[in-house]
Amino acid sequence: MQQILIYSDSLTWGIIPDSRKRLSFDKRWPGVFEDKLKAAGNNIRVLENCLNGRRTVWSDPYKEGRDGSEGFAQVLEMHAPLSLVILMLGTNDFQCTHNNTAWMSGQGMAKLINIIRTAPIEPGMPVPEILVVAPPSMLTPKGALVRKFSGAQNRSVGLSQELEHIAEMHHCHFFDTAAVTAASTVDGIHLDESQHCVLGAAVADAVVAFNILKN
């Protein structure tokens, strides 16, 4: 059995836009992704490590543990051996508590990639393949997210291009969520249930196309 770790934030955790509720595993994109790969005959297990508010490398002044680089090496060690790590982060780098640019968020992703490549896994275990997934472009924040993401839409312009550049530089696979779905029109940030379904299927297709899961 091949294990796939998905390391992400609330967009993957499955928060229902404009609520504090969560989609069930089979409705959020990691579950759809797992089901499609298994239906295609792949013996895989998806491991989710998704935390609401997680940044690439920045802390949240109001909530502990939101710096995605802290403790990441131990997460990798904990779940080894891994065939693939999927990184889908960046949206929260643009919360109002930060004055980040797309380039800065890209550099945060580069740090996470380096952590994967240097994590203290057991001798003889494989260094996993890496798939960088650019989150959907933000729309105008709505509802409870208006103040939290004030100015985020403008600051995040160009994020997918920066992440693609980082992936290319570090010899990682890349998938742009914007190719198949936008953010939810309900809150401008997260994904609706139907969008989770589309994304999960598309990422599964990308993994197959990249020939990442070798039997």
C-alpha atoms as a PDB file:
ATOM      1  CA  MET A   1       0.000   0.000   0.000  1.00  0.00           C
ATOM      2  CA  GLN A   2       1.268   3.447  -0.936  1.00  0.00           C
ATOM      3  CA  GLN A   3       0.607   6.331   1.430  1.00  0.00           C
ATOM      4  CA  ILE A   4      -0.131   9.890   0.314  1.00  0.00           C
ATOM      5  CA  LEU A   5       0.072  12.804   2.758  1.00  0.00           C
ATOM      6  CA  ILE A   6      -2.007  15.902   2.045  1.00  0.00           C
ATOM      7  CA  TYR A   7      -0.669  18.888   3.982  1.00  0.00           C
ATOM      8  CA  SER A   8      -3.005  21.841   3.777  1.00  0.00           C
ATOM      9  CA  ASP A   9      -5.410  24.253   5.462  1.00  0.00           C
ATOM     10  CA  SER A  10      -9.168  24.843   5.737  1.00  0.00           C
ATOM     11  CA  LEU A  11      -9.684  24.628   1.970  1.00  0.00           C
ATOM     12  CA  THR A  12      -8.789  20.934   2.237  1.00  0.00           C
ATOM     13  CA  TRP A  13     -10.043  20.381   5.802  1.00  0.00           C
ATOM     14  CA  GLY A  14     -13.430  20.916   4.196  1.00  0.00           C
ATOM     15  CA  ILE A  15     -14.924  23.877   5.997  1.00  0.00           C
ATOM     16  CA  ILE A  16     -18.346  24.676   4.563  1.00  0.00           C
ATOM     17  CA  PRO A  17     -18.255  28.287   3.321  1.00  0.00           C
ATOM     18  CA  ASP A  18     -19.791  30.846   5.673  1.00  0.00           C
ATOM     19  CA  SER A  19     -20.063  28.283   8.492  1.00  0.00           C
ATOM     20  CA  ARG A  20     -17.953  26.436  11.056  1.00  0.00           C
ATOM     21  CA  LYS A  21     -19.146  23.055   9.796  1.00  0.00           C
ATOM     22  CA  ARG A  22     -17.077  20.435   7.976  1.00  0.00           C
ATOM     23  CA  LEU A  23     -17.782  18.269   4.958  1.00  0.00           C
ATOM     24  CA  SER A  24     -17.460  14.523   5.522  1.00  0.00           C
ATOM     25  CA  PHE A  25     -14.360  12.758   4.165  1.00  0.00           C
ATOM     26  CA  ASP A  26     -16.166  11.377   1.114  1.00  0.00           C
ATOM     27  CA  LYS A  27     -17.388  14.888   0.220  1.00  0.00           C
ATOM     28  CA  ARG A  28     -14.123  16.795   0.597  1.00  0.00           C
ATOM     29  CA  TRP A  29     -11.507  16.606  -2.129  1.00  0.00           C
ATOM     30  CA  PRO A  30      -9.038  14.212  -0.427  1.00  0.00           C
ATOM     31  CA  GLY A  31     -11.824  11.635  -0.133  1.00  0.00           C
ATOM     32  CA  VAL A  32     -12.870  12.073  -3.754  1.00  0.00           C
ATOM     33  CA  PHE A  33      -9.196  11.872  -4.746  1.00  0.00           C
ATOM     34  CA  GLU A  34      -8.698   8.641  -2.798  1.00  0.00           C
ATOM     35  CA  ASP A  35     -11.856   7.035  -4.176  1.00  0.00           C
ATOM     36  CA  LYS A  36     -10.937   7.805  -7.789  1.00  0.00           C
ATOM     37  CA  LEU A  37      -7.394   6.454  -7.442  1.00  0.00           C
ATOM     38  CA  LYS A  38      -8.650   3.288  -5.749  1.00  0.00           C
ATOM     39  CA  ALA A  39     -11.289   2.800  -8.443  1.00  0.00           C
ATOM     40  CA  ALA A  40      -8.469   2.943 -10.989  1.00  0.00           C
ATOM     41  CA  GLY A  41      -6.756   0.051  -9.213  1.00  0.00           C
ATOM     42  CA  ASN A  42      -4.243   1.915  -7.055  1.00  0.00           C
ATOM     43  CA  ASN A  43      -3.592   0.462  -3.603  1.00  0.00           C
ATOM     44  CA  ILE A  44      -3.310   3.753  -1.703  1.00  0.00           C
ATOM     45  CA  ARG A  45      -4.151   5.384   1.597  1.00  0.00           C
ATOM     46  CA  VAL A  46      -4.676   9.131   1.944  1.00  0.00           C
ATOM     47  CA  LEU A  47      -3.471  10.790   5.147  1.00  0.00           C
ATOM     48  CA  GLU A  48      -4.864  14.262   5.852  1.00  0.00           C
ATOM     49  CA  ASN A  49      -2.986  16.831   7.902  1.00  0.00           C
ATOM     50  CA  CYS A  50      -5.055  19.947   7.339  1.00  0.00           C
ATOM     51  CA  LEU A  51      -5.340  22.779   9.838  1.00  0.00           C
ATOM     52  CA  ASN A  52      -7.611  25.799   9.563  1.00  0.00           C
ATOM     53  CA  GLY A  53      -5.567  28.985   9.251  1.00  0.00           C
ATOM     54  CA  ARG A  54      -2.276  27.234   8.455  1.00  0.00           C
ATOM     55  CA  ARG A  55       0.292  29.415   6.684  1.00  0.00           C
ATOM     56  CA  THR A  56       3.376  28.227   4.827  1.00  0.00           C
ATOM     57  CA  VAL A  57       5.925  29.690   7.271  1.00  0.00           C
ATOM     58  CA  TRP A  58       4.200  32.447   9.267  1.00  0.00           C
ATOM     59  CA  SER A  59       2.618  32.360  12.711  1.00  0.00           C
ATOM     60  CA  ASP A  60      -0.868  33.549  13.578  1.00  0.00           C
ATOM     61  CA  PRO A  61      -0.718  36.072  16.442  1.00  0.00           C
ATOM     62  CA  TYR A  62      -4.083  34.837  17.720  1.00  0.00           C
ATOM     63  CA  LYS A  63      -3.849  31.038  17.324  1.00  0.00           C
ATOM     64  CA  GLU A  64      -1.000  28.654  18.057  1.00  0.00           C
ATOM     65  CA  GLY A  65       0.533  26.222  15.583  1.00  0.00           C
ATOM     66  CA  ARG A  66      -0.319  27.915  12.297  1.00  0.00           C
ATOM     67  CA  ASP A  67       3.267  28.063  10.961  1.00  0.00           C
ATOM     68  CA  GLY A  68       3.245  25.125   8.558  1.00  0.00           C
ATOM     69  CA  SER A  69       7.011  24.673   8.752  1.00  0.00           C
ATOM     70  CA  GLU A  70       7.031  24.047  12.506  1.00  0.00           C
ATOM     71  CA  GLY A  71       6.836  20.351  13.291  1.00  0.00           C
ATOM     72  CA  PHE A  72       6.445  19.430   9.624  1.00  0.00           C
ATOM     73  CA  ALA A  73       9.568  17.246   9.599  1.00  0.00           C
ATOM     74  CA  GLN A  74       8.121  15.243  12.483  1.00  0.00           C
ATOM     75  CA  VAL A  75       4.811  14.808  10.638  1.00  0.00           C
ATOM     76  CA  LEU A  76       6.757  13.346   7.725  1.00  0.00           C
ATOM     77  CA  GLU A  77       8.739  11.101  10.045  1.00  0.00           C
ATOM     78  CA  MET A  78       5.535   9.984  11.769  1.00  0.00           C
ATOM     79  CA  HIS A  79       3.833   8.849   8.577  1.00  0.00           C
ATOM     80  CA  ALA A  80       6.813   7.446   6.667  1.00  0.00           C
ATOM     81  CA  PRO A  81       7.123   5.731   4.324  1.00  0.00           C
ATOM     82  CA  LEU A  82       5.275   8.100   1.996  1.00  0.00           C
ATOM     83  CA  SER A  83       5.048   7.827  -1.775  1.00  0.00           C
ATOM     84  CA  LEU A  84       3.724  11.360  -2.261  1.00  0.00           C
ATOM     85  CA  VAL A  85       3.252  14.587  -0.313  1.00  0.00           C
ATOM     86  CA  ILE A  86       0.687  17.045  -1.660  1.00  0.00           C
ATOM     87  CA  LEU A  87       1.179  20.639  -0.515  1.00  0.00           C
ATOM     88  CA  MET A  88      -1.773  23.007  -0.907  1.00  0.00           C
ATOM     89  CA  LEU A  89      -1.034  26.131   1.097  1.00  0.00           C
ATOM     90  CA  GLY A  90      -0.691  29.868   0.592  1.00  0.00           C
ATOM     91  CA  THR A  91      -4.157  31.344   1.050  1.00  0.00           C
ATOM     92  CA  ASN A  92      -3.639  32.221   4.724  1.00  0.00           C
ATOM     93  CA  ASP A  93      -0.288  33.869   3.993  1.00  0.00           C
ATOM     94  CA  PHE A  94      -2.387  36.846   2.881  1.00  0.00           C
ATOM     95  CA  GLN A  95      -4.526  37.320   5.971  1.00  0.00           C
ATOM     96  CA  CYS A  96      -4.633  40.892   7.291  1.00  0.00           C
ATOM     97  CA  THR A  97      -2.018  40.058   9.939  1.00  0.00           C
ATOM     98  CA  HIS A  98       0.622  39.806   7.184  1.00  0.00           C
ATOM     99  CA  ASN A  99       1.763  42.161   4.440  1.00  0.00           C
ATOM    100  CA  ASN A 100       3.012  39.372   2.200  1.00  0.00           C
ATOM    101  CA  THR A 101       3.407  39.235  -1.563  1.00  0.00           C
ATOM    102  CA  ALA A 102       2.945  36.245  -3.849  1.00  0.00           C
ATOM    103  CA  TRP A 103       6.734  35.967  -4.125  1.00  0.00           C
ATOM    104  CA  MET A 104       7.053  35.713  -0.333  1.00  0.00           C
ATOM    105  CA  SER A 105       4.421  32.978  -0.169  1.00  0.00           C
ATOM    106  CA  GLY A 106       6.304  31.124  -2.890  1.00  0.00           C
ATOM    107  CA  GLN A 107       9.455  31.274  -0.795  1.00  0.00           C
ATOM    108  CA  GLY A 108       7.492  29.806   2.097  1.00  0.00           C
ATOM    109  CA  MET A 109       6.507  26.893  -0.126  1.00  0.00           C
ATOM    110  CA  ALA A 110      10.160  26.421  -1.079  1.00  0.00           C
ATOM    111  CA  LYS A 111      11.009  26.029   2.607  1.00  0.00           C
ATOM    112  CA  LEU A 112       8.366  23.309   3.002  1.00  0.00           C
ATOM    113  CA  ILE A 113       9.754  21.469  -0.017  1.00  0.00           C
ATOM    114  CA  ASN A 114      13.217  21.563   1.526  1.00  0.00           C
ATOM    115  CA  ILE A 115      11.846  20.174   4.790  1.00  0.00           C
ATOM    116  CA  ILE A 116      10.374  17.207   2.896  1.00  0.00           C
ATOM    117  CA  ARG A 117      13.701  16.529   1.196  1.00  0.00           C
ATOM    118  CA  THR A 118      15.666  16.652   4.462  1.00  0.00           C
ATOM    119  CA  ALA A 119      13.218  15.150   6.976  1.00  0.00           C
ATOM    120  CA  PRO A 120      14.724  12.594   9.430  1.00  0.00           C
ATOM    121  CA  ILE A 121      12.973   9.533   8.015  1.00  0.00           C
ATOM    122  CA  GLU A 122      14.337   6.063   8.770  1.00  0.00           C
ATOM    123  CA  PRO A 123      17.321   4.861   6.712  1.00  0.00           C
ATOM    124  CA  GLY A 124      16.307   3.176   3.484  1.00  0.00           C
ATOM    125  CA  MET A 125      12.853   4.775   3.348  1.00  0.00           C
ATOM    126  CA  PRO A 126      12.128   6.736   0.155  1.00  0.00           C
ATOM    127  CA  VAL A 127      12.040  10.511  -0.042  1.00  0.00           C
ATOM    128  CA  PRO A 128       8.499  11.092  -1.296  1.00  0.00           C
ATOM    129  CA  GLU A 129       7.504  12.724  -4.553  1.00  0.00           C
ATOM    130  CA  ILE A 130       6.033  16.212  -4.120  1.00  0.00           C
ATOM    131  CA  LEU A 131       2.972  17.736  -5.767  1.00  0.00           C
ATOM    132  CA  VAL A 132       2.484  21.473  -5.234  1.00  0.00           C
ATOM    133  CA  VAL A 133      -1.155  22.477  -5.668  1.00  0.00           C
ATOM    134  CA  ALA A 134      -1.887  26.179  -6.095  1.00  0.00           C
ATOM    135  CA  PRO A 135      -5.083  27.116  -4.237  1.00  0.00           C
ATOM    136  CA  PRO A 136      -7.895  28.793  -6.168  1.00  0.00           C
ATOM    137  CA  SER A 137      -7.575  32.508  -6.765  1.00  0.00           C
ATOM    138  CA  MET A 138      -9.359  34.447  -4.060  1.00  0.00           C
ATOM    139  CA  LEU A 139     -12.515  36.355  -4.848  1.00  0.00           C
ATOM    140  CA  THR A 140     -13.703  39.340  -2.833  1.00  0.00           C
ATOM    141  CA  PRO A 141     -14.027  38.034   0.764  1.00  0.00           C
ATOM    142  CA  LYS A 142     -17.563  37.911   2.105  1.00  0.00           C
ATOM    143  CA  GLY A 143     -19.319  37.334   5.404  1.00  0.00           C
ATOM    144  CA  ALA A 144     -17.185  36.559   8.443  1.00  0.00           C
ATOM    145  CA  LEU A 145     -13.987  36.627   6.354  1.00  0.00           C
ATOM    146  CA  VAL A 146     -14.195  40.254   5.209  1.00  0.00           C
ATOM    147  CA  ARG A 147     -11.943  41.673   7.914  1.00  0.00           C
ATOM    148  CA  LYS A 148      -9.664  38.650   8.237  1.00  0.00           C
ATOM    149  CA  PHE A 149      -8.832  38.758   4.528  1.00  0.00           C
ATOM    150  CA  SER A 150      -8.945  42.508   4.039  1.00  0.00           C
ATOM    151  CA  GLY A 151      -6.750  43.356   1.040  1.00  0.00           C
ATOM    152  CA  ALA A 152      -5.825  39.693   0.518  1.00  0.00           C
ATOM    153  CA  GLN A 153      -7.218  39.434  -2.989  1.00  0.00           C
ATOM    154  CA  ASN A 154      -4.851  42.107  -4.295  1.00  0.00           C
ATOM    155  CA  ARG A 155      -1.819  40.912  -2.329  1.00  0.00           C
ATOM    156  CA  SER A 156      -2.231  37.343  -3.569  1.00  0.00           C
ATOM    157  CA  VAL A 157      -2.200  38.178  -7.279  1.00  0.00           C
ATOM    158  CA  GLY A 158       0.355  35.995  -9.054  1.00  0.00           C
ATOM    159  CA  LEU A 159       0.487  33.257  -6.403  1.00  0.00           C
ATOM    160  CA  SER A 160      -0.138  30.372  -8.793  1.00  0.00           C
ATOM    161  CA  GLN A 161       2.657  31.569 -11.083  1.00  0.00           C
ATOM    162  CA  GLU A 162       5.070  31.851  -8.170  1.00  0.00           C
ATOM    163  CA  LEU A 163       4.177  28.367  -6.946  1.00  0.00           C
ATOM    164  CA  GLU A 164       4.602  26.928 -10.420  1.00  0.00           C
ATOM    165  CA  HIS A 165       8.034  28.568 -10.633  1.00  0.00           C
ATOM    166  CA  ILE A 166       9.031  27.159  -7.241  1.00  0.00           C
ATOM    167  CA  ALA A 167       7.821  23.689  -8.218  1.00  0.00           C
ATOM    168  CA  GLU A 168       9.829  23.816 -11.420  1.00  0.00           C
ATOM    169  CA  MET A 169      12.962  25.053  -9.656  1.00  0.00           C
ATOM    170  CA  HIS A 170      12.769  22.264  -7.088  1.00  0.00           C
ATOM    171  CA  HIS A 171      11.782  19.522  -9.543  1.00  0.00           C
ATOM    172  CA  CYS A 172       8.325  18.995  -8.073  1.00  0.00           C
ATOM    173  CA  HIS A 173       5.037  18.277  -9.801  1.00  0.00           C
ATOM    174  CA  PHE A 174       2.546  21.151 -10.057  1.00  0.00           C
ATOM    175  CA  PHE A 175      -1.209  21.507 -10.394  1.00  0.00           C
ATOM    176  CA  ASP A 176      -3.161  24.762 -10.559  1.00  0.00           C
ATOM    177  CA  THR A 177      -6.588  24.537  -8.932  1.00  0.00           C
ATOM    178  CA  ALA A 178      -7.715  27.486 -11.054  1.00  0.00           C
ATOM    179  CA  ALA A 179      -7.607  25.171 -14.082  1.00  0.00           C
ATOM    180  CA  VAL A 180     -10.719  23.386 -12.818  1.00  0.00           C
ATOM    181  CA  THR A 181     -12.456  25.606 -10.248  1.00  0.00           C
ATOM    182  CA  ALA A 182     -12.615  29.060  -8.693  1.00  0.00           C
ATOM    183  CA  ALA A 183     -13.139  29.807  -5.014  1.00  0.00           C
ATOM    184  CA  SER A 184     -16.635  29.688  -3.573  1.00  0.00           C
ATOM    185  CA  THR A 185     -18.829  32.688  -4.340  1.00  0.00           C
ATOM    186  CA  VAL A 186     -20.329  32.244  -0.864  1.00  0.00           C
ATOM    187  CA  ASP A 187     -17.259  33.515   1.031  1.00  0.00           C
ATOM    188  CA  GLY A 188     -14.702  34.140  -1.718  1.00  0.00           C
ATOM    189  CA  ILE A 189     -12.051  31.907  -0.110  1.00  0.00           C
ATOM    190  CA  HIS A 190     -13.111  28.302   0.454  1.00  0.00           C
ATOM    191  CA  LEU A 191     -14.624  25.574  -1.734  1.00  0.00           C
ATOM    192  CA  ASP A 192     -18.218  24.443  -2.088  1.00  0.00           C
ATOM    193  CA  GLU A 193     -19.054  20.728  -1.985  1.00  0.00           C
ATOM    194  CA  SER A 194     -19.336  20.528  -5.774  1.00  0.00           C
ATOM    195  CA  GLN A 195     -15.961  22.252  -6.128  1.00  0.00           C
ATOM    196  CA  HIS A 196     -14.358  19.705  -3.779  1.00  0.00           C
ATOM    197  CA  CYS A 197     -15.684  16.949  -6.034  1.00  0.00           C
ATOM    198  CA  VAL A 198     -14.241  18.552  -9.171  1.00  0.00           C
ATOM    199  CA  LEU A 199     -10.881  19.238  -7.537  1.00  0.00           C
ATOM    200  CA  GLY A 200     -10.475  15.767  -6.052  1.00  0.00           C
ATOM    201  CA  ALA A 201     -11.104  14.113  -9.412  1.00  0.00           C
ATOM    202  CA  ALA A 202      -8.759  16.507 -11.211  1.00  0.00           C
ATOM    203  CA  VAL A 203      -5.886  16.007  -8.778  1.00  0.00           C
ATOM    204  CA  ALA A 204      -6.311  12.234  -9.085  1.00  0.00           C
ATOM    205  CA  ASP A 205      -6.077  12.565 -12.861  1.00  0.00           C
ATOM    206  CA  ALA A 206      -2.935  14.695 -12.474  1.00  0.00           C
ATOM    207  CA  VAL A 207      -1.270  12.112 -10.211  1.00  0.00           C
ATOM    208  CA  VAL A 208      -1.990   9.404 -12.780  1.00  0.00           C
ATOM    209  CA  ALA A 209      -0.729  11.601 -15.627  1.00  0.00           C
ATOM    210  CA  PHE A 210       2.486  12.360 -13.751  1.00  0.00           C
ATOM    211  CA  ASN A 211       2.995   8.608 -13.202  1.00  0.00           C
ATOM    212  CA  ILE A 212       3.784   9.257  -9.538  1.00  0.00           C
ATOM    213  CA  LEU A 213       2.332   6.037  -8.126  1.00  0.00           C
ATOM    214  CA  LYS A 214       4.558   3.344  -9.563  1.00  0.00           C
ATOM    215  CA  ASN A 215       3.519  -0.209  -8.730  1.00  0.00           C
END
